[in-house]
Amino acid sequence: MGMHKGQTNSGSFKKGEHRNTYTEFKKGQSASPATQFKSGVRNNPNYEFPKGIIPWNKGRTGVYSEEVRQKISNTLRKPETPIVRAIRDHYKMKEWINAIYLRDNYTCQKCRQRGGLHAHHIKGFILILREHKIRTIEQALTCKELWDISNGETLCWKCHRKTHKKIGNFTGVKTWTRRQ
């Protein structure tokens, strides 16, 4: 509600007057640099990065070594095929994983840790698909080697990552996430 013509301001707000003693001392002061930045007053690049200060990342080409970058690049160029994704998402794969976990008592077979587990094919999943020339789900379901629990072991995510680094098919950091 606004004021009508000729009406005086008899309410709690009076321009220029501070009723709160906690804010009275701030009258006429400028805002702190942090508040100025949040409000957009200090968005001038010359003010934020003064002359003579070199950015921490100037001249750096990357965090990863050339070898790791190449492996990550190869992974990005060769996305997982729809058949591989379909096999990994199939209920029979989930049954295989649970059978491995149950057999190994939900414990990593390298460091004996419980929790954060992965089921690992000792003979690689992709290698089996290539050897048996599996192109369809039906072919995958009939392949006994793919579902053999003696070809699997339970590993925690750290040991699983180390295993893949040793055998040379470590594909990048994004691949290795902790499962709950």
Protein backbone atom coordinates (compact mmCIF):
# COMPACT_ATOMS: atom_id res chain seq x y z
CA MET A 1 0.00 0.00 0.00
CA GLY A 2 1.31 3.40 -0.92
CA MET A 3 0.70 6.72 0.68
CA HIS A 4 -2.05 9.05 -0.49
CA LYS A 5 -1.45 12.62 -1.59
CA GLY A 6 -0.94 14.88 1.39
CA GLN A 7 -0.45 11.99 3.82
CA THR A 8 2.63 12.08 6.04
CA ASN A 9 4.83 9.12 6.76
CA SER A 10 3.93 8.15 10.28
CA GLY A 11 4.89 4.48 9.84
CA SER A 12 8.05 2.67 10.78
CA PHE A 13 10.05 3.58 7.65
CA LYS A 14 11.54 7.04 7.40
CA LYS A 15 14.04 7.80 4.67
CA GLY A 16 17.57 8.30 6.00
CA GLU A 17 16.69 7.22 9.51
CA HIS A 18 18.16 4.08 11.09
CA ARG A 19 16.05 2.66 13.85
CA ASN A 20 18.24 -0.38 14.39
CA THR A 21 21.34 0.42 16.45
CA TYR A 22 23.17 -2.49 14.84
CA THR A 23 23.02 -0.89 11.38
CA GLU A 24 23.43 2.76 12.44
CA PHE A 25 27.24 2.55 12.36
CA LYS A 26 27.15 1.27 8.75
CA LYS A 27 25.36 4.37 7.46
CA GLY A 28 27.35 5.86 4.59
CA GLN A 29 29.87 2.99 4.36
CA SER A 30 30.45 1.03 1.18
CA ALA A 31 29.86 -2.70 1.01
CA SER A 32 32.66 -5.19 1.63
CA PRO A 33 34.58 -6.53 -1.42
CA ALA A 34 32.82 -9.90 -1.08
CA THR A 35 29.39 -8.25 -1.05
CA GLN A 36 30.37 -6.03 -3.98
CA PHE A 37 31.44 -9.10 -5.96
CA LYS A 38 28.17 -10.93 -5.18
CA SER A 39 26.09 -7.91 -6.19
CA GLY A 40 27.99 -7.54 -9.48
CA VAL A 41 29.74 -4.26 -8.65
CA ARG A 42 33.21 -5.86 -8.84
CA ASN A 43 32.89 -7.76 -12.11
CA ASN A 44 35.53 -5.65 -13.84
CA PRO A 45 38.28 -8.07 -15.02
CA ASN A 46 41.00 -5.45 -14.54
CA TYR A 47 39.99 -5.08 -10.92
CA GLU A 48 39.75 -8.82 -10.20
CA PHE A 49 43.08 -9.80 -11.83
CA PRO A 50 45.61 -7.01 -11.30
CA LYS A 51 48.62 -6.62 -13.59
CA GLY A 52 51.67 -8.70 -12.75
CA ILE A 53 49.82 -11.71 -11.29
CA ILE A 54 50.22 -14.79 -13.50
CA PRO A 55 47.32 -17.28 -13.47
CA TRP A 56 48.22 -20.65 -11.91
CA ASN A 57 47.36 -22.57 -15.09
CA LYS A 58 49.16 -20.38 -17.66
CA GLY A 59 51.30 -22.52 -19.93
CA ARG A 60 50.07 -25.85 -18.57
CA THR A 61 48.89 -28.28 -21.21
CA GLY A 62 47.04 -30.78 -19.06
CA VAL A 63 46.86 -32.67 -15.82
CA TYR A 64 47.27 -36.13 -17.34
CA SER A 65 50.33 -37.61 -19.01
CA GLU A 66 50.28 -38.05 -22.79
CA GLU A 67 49.68 -41.82 -22.40
CA VAL A 68 46.65 -41.40 -20.14
CA ARG A 69 45.22 -38.66 -22.36
CA GLN A 70 45.54 -40.96 -25.38
CA LYS A 71 43.71 -43.77 -23.56
CA ILE A 72 40.93 -41.40 -22.49
CA SER A 73 40.71 -40.06 -26.04
CA ASN A 74 40.46 -43.60 -27.46
CA THR A 75 37.72 -44.38 -24.96
CA LEU A 76 35.75 -41.32 -26.01
CA ARG A 77 36.12 -42.24 -29.69
CA LYS A 78 34.89 -45.79 -29.13
CA PRO A 79 31.70 -45.54 -27.09
CA GLU A 80 30.17 -48.69 -25.65
CA THR A 81 28.16 -50.47 -28.32
CA PRO A 82 24.42 -50.99 -27.80
CA ILE A 83 24.87 -54.79 -27.57
CA VAL A 84 27.48 -54.46 -24.79
CA ARG A 85 25.22 -52.06 -22.88
CA ALA A 86 22.24 -54.41 -23.37
CA ILE A 87 24.22 -57.40 -22.05
CA ARG A 88 25.49 -55.44 -19.04
CA ASP A 89 21.92 -54.29 -18.26
CA HIS A 90 20.39 -57.76 -18.72
CA TYR A 91 18.97 -59.48 -15.64
CA LYS A 92 21.25 -62.49 -16.24
CA MET A 93 24.32 -60.22 -15.74
CA LYS A 94 22.85 -58.96 -12.48
CA GLU A 95 22.32 -62.59 -11.41
CA TRP A 96 25.95 -63.38 -12.34
CA ILE A 97 27.19 -60.41 -10.28
CA ASN A 98 25.09 -61.45 -7.26
CA ALA A 99 26.33 -65.04 -7.56
CA ILE A 100 29.96 -63.78 -7.52
CA TYR A 101 29.28 -61.57 -4.49
CA LEU A 102 27.54 -64.41 -2.64
CA ARG A 103 30.31 -66.92 -3.42
CA ASP A 104 32.98 -64.45 -2.20
CA ASN A 105 30.92 -63.49 0.88
CA TYR A 106 30.67 -59.83 -0.25
CA THR A 107 34.41 -59.38 0.37
CA CYS A 108 37.17 -58.08 -1.91
CA GLN A 109 39.40 -61.02 -2.82
CA LYS A 110 42.58 -58.88 -2.82
CA CYS A 111 42.33 -56.63 0.27
CA ARG A 112 39.46 -58.36 2.15
CA GLN A 113 37.43 -55.12 2.34
CA ARG A 114 33.64 -55.28 2.51
CA GLY A 115 31.57 -52.69 0.66
CA GLY A 116 32.12 -50.65 -2.52
CA LEU A 117 32.37 -53.86 -4.54
CA HIS A 118 32.65 -54.66 -8.25
CA ALA A 119 32.32 -58.04 -9.94
CA HIS A 120 35.34 -58.54 -12.22
CA HIS A 121 35.63 -60.93 -15.16
CA ILE A 122 39.06 -62.60 -14.85
CA LYS A 123 39.04 -63.27 -18.57
CA GLY A 124 37.79 -59.94 -19.94
CA PHE A 125 34.14 -59.41 -20.80
CA ILE A 126 34.93 -57.78 -24.16
CA LEU A 127 37.54 -60.46 -24.95
CA ILE A 128 34.91 -63.19 -24.47
CA LEU A 129 32.48 -61.29 -26.72
CA ARG A 130 35.17 -61.02 -29.43
CA GLU A 131 36.34 -64.64 -29.19
CA HIS A 132 32.81 -66.01 -29.49
CA LYS A 133 31.81 -63.36 -32.09
CA ILE A 134 28.76 -62.36 -30.06
CA ARG A 135 26.58 -59.84 -31.91
CA THR A 136 23.13 -60.42 -30.35
CA ILE A 137 21.67 -60.89 -26.89
CA GLU A 138 20.58 -64.42 -27.82
CA GLN A 139 24.18 -65.36 -28.65
CA ALA A 140 25.33 -63.82 -25.36
CA LEU A 141 22.73 -65.76 -23.34
CA THR A 142 23.87 -69.07 -24.85
CA CYS A 143 27.61 -68.40 -24.27
CA LYS A 144 28.57 -70.46 -21.20
CA GLU A 145 31.95 -68.77 -20.68
CA LEU A 146 30.33 -65.37 -20.24
CA TRP A 147 28.15 -66.55 -17.33
CA ASP A 148 30.65 -68.91 -15.68
CA ILE A 149 31.11 -67.79 -12.05
CA SER A 150 34.58 -69.36 -11.93
CA ASN A 151 35.59 -66.58 -14.36
CA GLY A 152 34.59 -63.89 -11.87
CA GLU A 153 35.89 -62.41 -8.65
CA THR A 154 34.72 -59.76 -6.22
CA LEU A 155 36.98 -56.71 -5.97
CA CYS A 156 36.62 -53.37 -4.22
CA TRP A 157 36.73 -50.38 -6.56
CA LYS A 158 40.39 -49.59 -5.70
CA CYS A 159 41.61 -53.14 -6.36
CA HIS A 160 39.48 -53.31 -9.52
CA ARG A 161 41.11 -50.12 -10.80
CA LYS A 162 44.60 -51.46 -9.95
CA THR A 163 43.82 -54.74 -11.74
CA HIS A 164 42.80 -52.93 -14.92
CA LYS A 165 45.88 -50.69 -14.74
CA LYS A 166 48.11 -53.80 -14.53
CA ILE A 167 46.49 -55.55 -17.48
CA GLY A 168 46.54 -52.39 -19.57
CA ASN A 169 42.91 -51.52 -20.19
CA PHE A 170 42.51 -48.65 -17.76
CA THR A 171 40.24 -46.29 -19.67
CA GLY A 172 40.11 -43.14 -17.56
CA VAL A 173 39.09 -41.56 -14.31
CA LYS A 174 35.38 -41.21 -15.11
CA THR A 175 35.06 -44.97 -15.47
CA TRP A 176 36.10 -45.59 -11.88
CA THR A 177 33.39 -44.46 -9.53
CA ARG A 178 32.47 -45.89 -6.21
CA ARG A 179 29.33 -48.04 -6.13
CA GLN A 180 27.23 -48.02 -3.01
